[in-house]
């Protein structure tokens, strides 16, 4: 009899972010954990702060060019200014065809040598790798300033089992 498949190991941390600058800071801290081959999926409603977090990731990775929303170009490659990996920033919001449509972007080719960050990637990019970082951003209920966000960072797969996600709460 075959044993049931083991669930993907994962690590998780929940954070509260109270300003766009704190979201960028979170991205900069997160960048220190990333290396070539990492896939980061960003989820959250429109205006939640996904691109702001990606901007901080780009700053932390030391890549060229301002990280802006790639909604209309779908994907942007930001080469490293140093010896780190390039950042491939993808906005899958307008893509409805799942992995088939994503294959046209050749992310599987980019992934081994880059950090790939995908906004709106749920149900579209999980098949690229068993190891990924999922970042879910929610606006806090009852926040009158519209600035407070609840951020859940979940590392899925062997790559993230020993990662110290606690450094993100600094």
C-alpha atoms as a PDB file:
ATOM      1  CA  UNK A   1       0.000   0.000   0.000  1.00  0.00           C
ATOM      2  CA  UNK A   2       1.294   3.421  -0.945  1.00  0.00           C
ATOM      3  CA  UNK A   3       1.665   5.994   1.811  1.00  0.00           C
ATOM      4  CA  UNK A   4      -0.326   9.205   1.366  1.00  0.00           C
ATOM      5  CA  UNK A   5       1.627  12.126   0.001  1.00  0.00           C
ATOM      6  CA  UNK A   6       3.157  14.237   2.728  1.00  0.00           C
ATOM      7  CA  UNK A   7       1.840  17.792   2.891  1.00  0.00           C
ATOM      8  CA  UNK A   8       4.176  20.514   1.764  1.00  0.00           C
ATOM      9  CA  UNK A   9       6.226  21.681   4.729  1.00  0.00           C
ATOM     10  CA  UNK A  10       5.825  25.366   5.420  1.00  0.00           C
ATOM     11  CA  UNK A  11       6.736  28.223   7.705  1.00  0.00           C
ATOM     12  CA  UNK A  12       4.446  31.179   8.382  1.00  0.00           C
ATOM     13  CA  UNK A  13       4.485  34.608   9.981  1.00  0.00           C
ATOM     14  CA  UNK A  14       1.731  37.201  10.359  1.00  0.00           C
ATOM     15  CA  UNK A  15       2.594  40.903  10.433  1.00  0.00           C
ATOM     16  CA  UNK A  16       0.836  44.243  10.731  1.00  0.00           C
ATOM     17  CA  UNK A  17       2.004  47.014   8.420  1.00  0.00           C
ATOM     18  CA  UNK A  18       0.774  50.547   9.081  1.00  0.00           C
ATOM     19  CA  UNK A  19       2.160  52.603   6.168  1.00  0.00           C
ATOM     20  CA  UNK A  20       3.423  52.310   2.588  1.00  0.00           C
ATOM     21  CA  UNK A  21       6.970  52.948   3.864  1.00  0.00           C
ATOM     22  CA  UNK A  22       6.663  50.019   6.268  1.00  0.00           C
ATOM     23  CA  UNK A  23       5.483  47.856   3.345  1.00  0.00           C
ATOM     24  CA  UNK A  24       8.600  48.849   1.388  1.00  0.00           C
ATOM     25  CA  UNK A  25      10.732  48.103   4.457  1.00  0.00           C
ATOM     26  CA  UNK A  26       9.119  44.670   4.661  1.00  0.00           C
ATOM     27  CA  UNK A  27      10.056  44.106   1.013  1.00  0.00           C
ATOM     28  CA  UNK A  28      13.661  45.124   1.726  1.00  0.00           C
ATOM     29  CA  UNK A  29      13.845  42.692   4.682  1.00  0.00           C
ATOM     30  CA  UNK A  30      12.242  39.938   2.630  1.00  0.00           C
ATOM     31  CA  UNK A  31      14.809  40.457  -0.132  1.00  0.00           C
ATOM     32  CA  UNK A  32      17.552  39.395   2.293  1.00  0.00           C
ATOM     33  CA  UNK A  33      15.984  35.922   2.461  1.00  0.00           C
ATOM     34  CA  UNK A  34      15.712  35.511  -1.309  1.00  0.00           C
ATOM     35  CA  UNK A  35      18.082  33.919  -3.794  1.00  0.00           C
ATOM     36  CA  UNK A  36      18.047  32.918  -7.439  1.00  0.00           C
ATOM     37  CA  UNK A  37      15.361  30.317  -8.057  1.00  0.00           C
ATOM     38  CA  UNK A  38      12.873  31.742  -5.574  1.00  0.00           C
ATOM     39  CA  UNK A  39       9.246  32.301  -6.522  1.00  0.00           C
ATOM     40  CA  UNK A  40       7.256  34.870  -4.536  1.00  0.00           C
ATOM     41  CA  UNK A  41       3.489  35.074  -5.020  1.00  0.00           C
ATOM     42  CA  UNK A  42       1.786  38.308  -3.919  1.00  0.00           C
ATOM     43  CA  UNK A  43      -1.964  38.267  -3.237  1.00  0.00           C
ATOM     44  CA  UNK A  44      -4.386  40.925  -2.072  1.00  0.00           C
ATOM     45  CA  UNK A  45      -7.122  43.167  -3.351  1.00  0.00           C
ATOM     46  CA  UNK A  46      -6.444  46.115  -5.636  1.00  0.00           C
ATOM     47  CA  UNK A  47      -4.508  48.770  -3.755  1.00  0.00           C
ATOM     48  CA  UNK A  48      -3.455  46.418  -0.946  1.00  0.00           C
ATOM     49  CA  UNK A  49       0.252  47.136  -1.390  1.00  0.00           C
ATOM     50  CA  UNK A  50       1.558  44.328  -3.615  1.00  0.00           C
ATOM     51  CA  UNK A  51       3.532  46.634  -5.902  1.00  0.00           C
ATOM     52  CA  UNK A  52       4.799  48.664  -2.931  1.00  0.00           C
ATOM     53  CA  UNK A  53       6.139  45.433  -1.419  1.00  0.00           C
ATOM     54  CA  UNK A  54       7.679  44.485  -4.793  1.00  0.00           C
ATOM     55  CA  UNK A  55       9.341  47.932  -4.940  1.00  0.00           C
ATOM     56  CA  UNK A  56      10.975  47.199  -1.573  1.00  0.00           C
ATOM     57  CA  UNK A  57      12.075  43.782  -2.847  1.00  0.00           C
ATOM     58  CA  UNK A  58      13.751  45.448  -5.816  1.00  0.00           C
ATOM     59  CA  UNK A  59      15.513  47.917  -3.533  1.00  0.00           C
ATOM     60  CA  UNK A  60      16.648  45.117  -1.228  1.00  0.00           C
ATOM     61  CA  UNK A  61      17.887  43.008  -4.133  1.00  0.00           C
ATOM     62  CA  UNK A  62      19.736  45.992  -5.596  1.00  0.00           C
ATOM     63  CA  UNK A  63      18.216  45.819  -9.068  1.00  0.00           C
ATOM     64  CA  UNK A  64      18.202  48.408 -11.830  1.00  0.00           C
ATOM     65  CA  UNK A  65      15.129  50.451 -12.591  1.00  0.00           C
ATOM     66  CA  UNK A  66      12.160  51.529 -10.574  1.00  0.00           C
ATOM     67  CA  UNK A  67       9.858  48.632  -9.755  1.00  0.00           C
ATOM     68  CA  UNK A  68       6.404  49.716 -10.892  1.00  0.00           C
ATOM     69  CA  UNK A  69       3.231  47.820 -11.642  1.00  0.00           C
ATOM     70  CA  UNK A  70       3.748  45.737 -14.789  1.00  0.00           C
ATOM     71  CA  UNK A  71      -0.016  45.447 -15.375  1.00  0.00           C
ATOM     72  CA  UNK A  72       0.053  46.439 -19.022  1.00  0.00           C
ATOM     73  CA  UNK A  73       3.372  44.865 -19.981  1.00  0.00           C
ATOM     74  CA  UNK A  74       2.644  41.760 -17.867  1.00  0.00           C
ATOM     75  CA  UNK A  75       6.318  41.213 -16.905  1.00  0.00           C
ATOM     76  CA  UNK A  76       9.449  43.299 -16.367  1.00  0.00           C
ATOM     77  CA  UNK A  77      13.000  42.112 -15.814  1.00  0.00           C
ATOM     78  CA  UNK A  78      15.142  44.229 -13.488  1.00  0.00           C
ATOM     79  CA  UNK A  79      18.821  43.250 -13.820  1.00  0.00           C
ATOM     80  CA  UNK A  80      20.974  43.249 -10.708  1.00  0.00           C
ATOM     81  CA  UNK A  81      23.313  46.190 -10.202  1.00  0.00           C
ATOM     82  CA  UNK A  82      25.662  43.906  -8.276  1.00  0.00           C
ATOM     83  CA  UNK A  83      26.270  40.183  -8.130  1.00  0.00           C
ATOM     84  CA  UNK A  84      22.750  39.220  -7.018  1.00  0.00           C
ATOM     85  CA  UNK A  85      19.984  37.722  -9.111  1.00  0.00           C
ATOM     86  CA  UNK A  86      17.765  39.775 -11.404  1.00  0.00           C
ATOM     87  CA  UNK A  87      14.161  40.400 -10.377  1.00  0.00           C
ATOM     88  CA  UNK A  88      11.406  39.275 -12.736  1.00  0.00           C
ATOM     89  CA  UNK A  89       8.223  41.134 -11.719  1.00  0.00           C
ATOM     90  CA  UNK A  90       5.005  39.739 -13.190  1.00  0.00           C
ATOM     91  CA  UNK A  91       1.434  40.996 -12.926  1.00  0.00           C
ATOM     92  CA  UNK A  92      -0.886  38.117 -13.793  1.00  0.00           C
ATOM     93  CA  UNK A  93      -4.073  40.126 -13.149  1.00  0.00           C
ATOM     94  CA  UNK A  94      -5.062  40.235 -16.821  1.00  0.00           C
ATOM     95  CA  UNK A  95      -4.043  36.628 -17.508  1.00  0.00           C
ATOM     96  CA  UNK A  96      -6.891  34.167 -17.257  1.00  0.00           C
ATOM     97  CA  UNK A  97      -5.419  31.065 -18.869  1.00  0.00           C
ATOM     98  CA  UNK A  98      -3.516  29.746 -15.880  1.00  0.00           C
ATOM     99  CA  UNK A  99      -0.151  28.121 -16.432  1.00  0.00           C
ATOM    100  CA  UNK A 100      -0.716  27.779 -20.204  1.00  0.00           C
ATOM    101  CA  UNK A 101      -0.806  31.536 -20.585  1.00  0.00           C
ATOM    102  CA  UNK A 102       2.020  31.951 -18.083  1.00  0.00           C
ATOM    103  CA  UNK A 103       4.192  29.576 -20.151  1.00  0.00           C
ATOM    104  CA  UNK A 104       4.270  32.211 -22.882  1.00  0.00           C
ATOM    105  CA  UNK A 105       6.281  34.366 -20.451  1.00  0.00           C
ATOM    106  CA  UNK A 106       8.973  31.635 -20.116  1.00  0.00           C
ATOM    107  CA  UNK A 107       9.029  32.008 -16.338  1.00  0.00           C
ATOM    108  CA  UNK A 108      10.273  28.441 -16.039  1.00  0.00           C
ATOM    109  CA  UNK A 109      13.376  29.534 -17.968  1.00  0.00           C
ATOM    110  CA  UNK A 110      13.858  32.676 -15.842  1.00  0.00           C
ATOM    111  CA  UNK A 111      13.213  31.048 -12.482  1.00  0.00           C
ATOM    112  CA  UNK A 112      16.513  29.194 -11.887  1.00  0.00           C
ATOM    113  CA  UNK A 113      18.586  32.367 -12.346  1.00  0.00           C
ATOM    114  CA  UNK A 114      16.189  35.007 -11.003  1.00  0.00           C
ATOM    115  CA  UNK A 115      13.887  35.940  -8.181  1.00  0.00           C
ATOM    116  CA  UNK A 116      10.427  35.800  -9.746  1.00  0.00           C
ATOM    117  CA  UNK A 117       7.696  37.873  -8.076  1.00  0.00           C
ATOM    118  CA  UNK A 118       4.154  37.328  -9.350  1.00  0.00           C
ATOM    119  CA  UNK A 119       1.225  39.526  -8.390  1.00  0.00           C
ATOM    120  CA  UNK A 120      -2.172  37.836  -8.773  1.00  0.00           C
ATOM    121  CA  UNK A 121      -0.492  34.471  -9.378  1.00  0.00           C
ATOM    122  CA  UNK A 122      -2.807  32.173  -7.396  1.00  0.00           C
ATOM    123  CA  UNK A 123      -3.908  29.239  -9.495  1.00  0.00           C
ATOM    124  CA  UNK A 124      -1.505  30.278 -12.248  1.00  0.00           C
ATOM    125  CA  UNK A 125       2.117  29.750 -11.187  1.00  0.00           C
ATOM    126  CA  UNK A 126       2.168  27.179  -8.395  1.00  0.00           C
ATOM    127  CA  UNK A 127       3.232  24.460 -10.839  1.00  0.00           C
ATOM    128  CA  UNK A 128       6.498  26.274 -11.575  1.00  0.00           C
ATOM    129  CA  UNK A 129       8.083  24.972  -8.368  1.00  0.00           C
ATOM    130  CA  UNK A 130       7.229  23.098  -5.180  1.00  0.00           C
ATOM    131  CA  UNK A 131       9.039  25.783  -3.183  1.00  0.00           C
ATOM    132  CA  UNK A 132       7.498  29.234  -3.045  1.00  0.00           C
ATOM    133  CA  UNK A 133       6.826  32.126  -0.756  1.00  0.00           C
ATOM    134  CA  UNK A 134       3.186  33.212  -0.594  1.00  0.00           C
ATOM    135  CA  UNK A 135       2.492  36.733   0.659  1.00  0.00           C
ATOM    136  CA  UNK A 136      -1.143  37.643   1.316  1.00  0.00           C
ATOM    137  CA  UNK A 137      -1.961  41.280   2.077  1.00  0.00           C
ATOM    138  CA  UNK A 138      -5.334  42.281   3.560  1.00  0.00           C
ATOM    139  CA  UNK A 139      -6.631  45.690   4.492  1.00  0.00           C
ATOM    140  CA  UNK A 140      -7.421  45.698   8.195  1.00  0.00           C
ATOM    141  CA  UNK A 141     -11.138  45.720   8.957  1.00  0.00           C
ATOM    142  CA  UNK A 142     -12.218  48.929  10.627  1.00  0.00           C
ATOM    143  CA  UNK A 143      -9.050  50.841   9.704  1.00  0.00           C
ATOM    144  CA  UNK A 144     -10.117  54.447   9.302  1.00  0.00           C
ATOM    145  CA  UNK A 145      -6.831  55.582   7.730  1.00  0.00           C
ATOM    146  CA  UNK A 146      -6.839  52.917   4.991  1.00  0.00           C
ATOM    147  CA  UNK A 147      -3.156  52.301   5.776  1.00  0.00           C
ATOM    148  CA  UNK A 148      -3.162  49.253   8.078  1.00  0.00           C
ATOM    149  CA  UNK A 149      -2.501  45.932   6.376  1.00  0.00           C
ATOM    150  CA  UNK A 150      -2.390  42.403   7.744  1.00  0.00           C
ATOM    151  CA  UNK A 151       0.347  40.487   5.943  1.00  0.00           C
ATOM    152  CA  UNK A 152       0.734  36.720   6.063  1.00  0.00           C
ATOM    153  CA  UNK A 153       3.983  35.299   4.671  1.00  0.00           C
ATOM    154  CA  UNK A 154       3.978  31.549   4.136  1.00  0.00           C
ATOM    155  CA  UNK A 155       6.986  29.591   2.935  1.00  0.00           C
ATOM    156  CA  UNK A 156       5.916  26.433   1.114  1.00  0.00           C
ATOM    157  CA  UNK A 157       8.289  23.546   0.406  1.00  0.00           C
ATOM    158  CA  UNK A 158      11.646  22.307   1.626  1.00  0.00           C
ATOM    159  CA  UNK A 159      13.393  25.557   0.705  1.00  0.00           C
ATOM    160  CA  UNK A 160      11.469  27.409   3.392  1.00  0.00           C
ATOM    161  CA  UNK A 161      11.315  24.848   6.237  1.00  0.00           C
ATOM    162  CA  UNK A 162      14.475  26.163   7.911  1.00  0.00           C
ATOM    163  CA  UNK A 163      14.032  29.810   6.884  1.00  0.00           C
ATOM    164  CA  UNK A 164      13.792  32.277   9.737  1.00  0.00           C
ATOM    165  CA  UNK A 165      10.757  34.302   8.715  1.00  0.00           C
ATOM    166  CA  UNK A 166      11.001  35.998  12.110  1.00  0.00           C
ATOM    167  CA  UNK A 167      13.529  38.432  10.623  1.00  0.00           C
ATOM    168  CA  UNK A 168      10.601  39.984   8.755  1.00  0.00           C
ATOM    169  CA  UNK A 169       9.066  41.313  11.959  1.00  0.00           C
ATOM    170  CA  UNK A 170      12.050  43.529  12.757  1.00  0.00           C
END
